[in-house]
Protein backbone atom coordinates (compact mmCIF):
# COMPACT_ATOMS: atom_id res chain seq x y z
CA MET A 1 5.54 21.77 8.68
CA ALA A 2 6.11 18.47 6.86
CA GLU A 3 9.50 16.80 6.92
CA CYS A 4 8.49 14.57 4.00
CA ILE A 5 6.07 15.07 1.14
CA VAL A 6 4.63 12.02 -0.60
CA ILE A 7 3.26 12.66 -4.07
CA GLY A 8 0.30 10.39 -4.73
CA GLY A 9 -2.24 9.01 -2.29
CA GLY A 10 -2.69 5.55 -3.71
CA LEU A 11 -1.79 2.33 -1.95
CA ILE A 12 1.97 2.79 -2.28
CA GLY A 13 1.90 6.49 -1.39
CA MET A 14 -0.23 5.94 1.70
CA ALA A 15 1.84 2.92 2.80
CA THR A 16 5.02 4.95 2.36
CA ALA A 17 3.57 7.86 4.32
CA ARG A 18 2.50 5.49 7.11
CA GLU A 19 5.99 4.00 7.39
CA LEU A 20 7.58 7.45 7.46
CA ALA A 21 5.14 8.58 10.15
CA LEU A 22 5.82 5.42 12.19
CA ALA A 23 9.51 6.35 11.96
CA GLY A 24 8.65 9.67 13.61
CA LEU A 25 8.58 12.01 10.62
CA LYS A 26 5.88 14.58 9.86
CA VAL A 27 4.40 13.64 6.49
CA THR A 28 2.10 15.35 4.01
CA ILE A 29 0.45 13.44 1.17
CA VAL A 30 -0.30 15.43 -1.99
CA GLU A 31 -3.03 13.83 -4.11
CA ARG A 32 -4.95 15.46 -6.95
CA GLY A 33 -8.07 13.37 -6.37
CA GLU A 34 -9.44 11.14 -3.64
CA LEU A 35 -7.06 9.05 -1.53
CA GLY A 36 -6.97 5.37 -2.44
CA MET A 37 -8.71 5.75 -5.77
CA GLU A 38 -7.34 5.73 -9.33
CA CYS A 39 -5.15 2.66 -9.99
CA SER A 40 -5.27 1.45 -6.37
CA TRP A 41 -9.05 1.26 -6.48
CA ALA A 42 -9.16 -0.18 -10.00
CA ALA A 43 -6.74 -2.99 -9.09
CA GLY A 44 -9.30 -4.30 -6.61
CA GLY A 45 -6.74 -5.71 -4.19
CA ILE A 46 -4.68 -7.68 -6.70
CA LEU A 47 -1.44 -8.62 -4.95
CA SER A 48 0.37 -10.29 -7.82
CA SER A 49 1.15 -9.84 -11.47
CA LEU A 50 -1.67 -10.56 -13.91
CA CYS A 51 0.69 -12.74 -15.95
CA PRO A 52 3.15 -14.23 -13.41
CA TRP A 53 4.49 -16.73 -15.96
CA GLN A 54 5.82 -13.77 -17.99
CA GLU A 55 7.67 -12.12 -15.09
CA PRO A 56 11.22 -12.76 -13.88
CA ALA A 57 11.49 -15.16 -10.93
CA ALA A 58 12.41 -12.26 -8.61
CA VAL A 59 9.03 -10.60 -9.29
CA GLY A 60 7.23 -13.80 -8.33
CA ASP A 61 9.34 -14.08 -5.18
CA LEU A 62 8.46 -10.50 -4.22
CA SER A 63 4.75 -11.09 -4.91
CA ARG A 64 4.71 -14.18 -2.68
CA TYR A 65 6.64 -12.34 0.06
CA CYS A 66 4.10 -9.49 0.02
CA ARG A 67 1.09 -11.82 -0.16
CA ASP A 68 2.34 -13.81 2.83
CA ARG A 69 2.62 -10.65 4.94
CA TYR A 70 -0.53 -8.84 3.81
CA GLU A 71 -2.88 -10.46 6.34
CA GLN A 72 -0.81 -9.09 9.24
CA TYR A 73 -0.57 -5.67 7.54
CA ALA A 74 -4.36 -5.57 7.02
CA GLY A 75 -4.81 -6.38 10.71
CA GLU A 76 -2.49 -3.54 11.72
CA LEU A 77 -4.42 -1.11 9.51
CA LEU A 78 -7.74 -2.23 11.01
CA GLU A 79 -6.39 -1.76 14.52
CA GLU A 80 -4.93 1.69 13.74
CA THR A 81 -7.79 3.09 11.66
CA GLY A 82 -10.90 1.02 12.27
CA ILE A 83 -11.13 0.51 8.50
CA ASP A 84 -11.47 -3.08 7.28
CA THR A 85 -9.53 -3.74 4.07
CA GLY A 86 -11.77 -6.67 3.28
CA TRP A 87 -8.89 -9.17 3.35
CA GLN A 88 -10.16 -12.76 3.09
């Protein structure tokens, strides 16, 4: 039986489920379609706002923080799953 249920199997839902599982919880993802599709697939790996000059400074700071850590995260996912995210 799941201890946590994550609604939505896009990038954020799957990343959240992974972190919960790494913390030792039993997780179930509920997704109406195929995992990693919909908006996550359509975004094509965009890691920042499309119009960063229109966002508050804190959004830009968060985008840079995430971008700077994504290479390591992609490496962890490759090691754990054997799936290459295509990070370049």
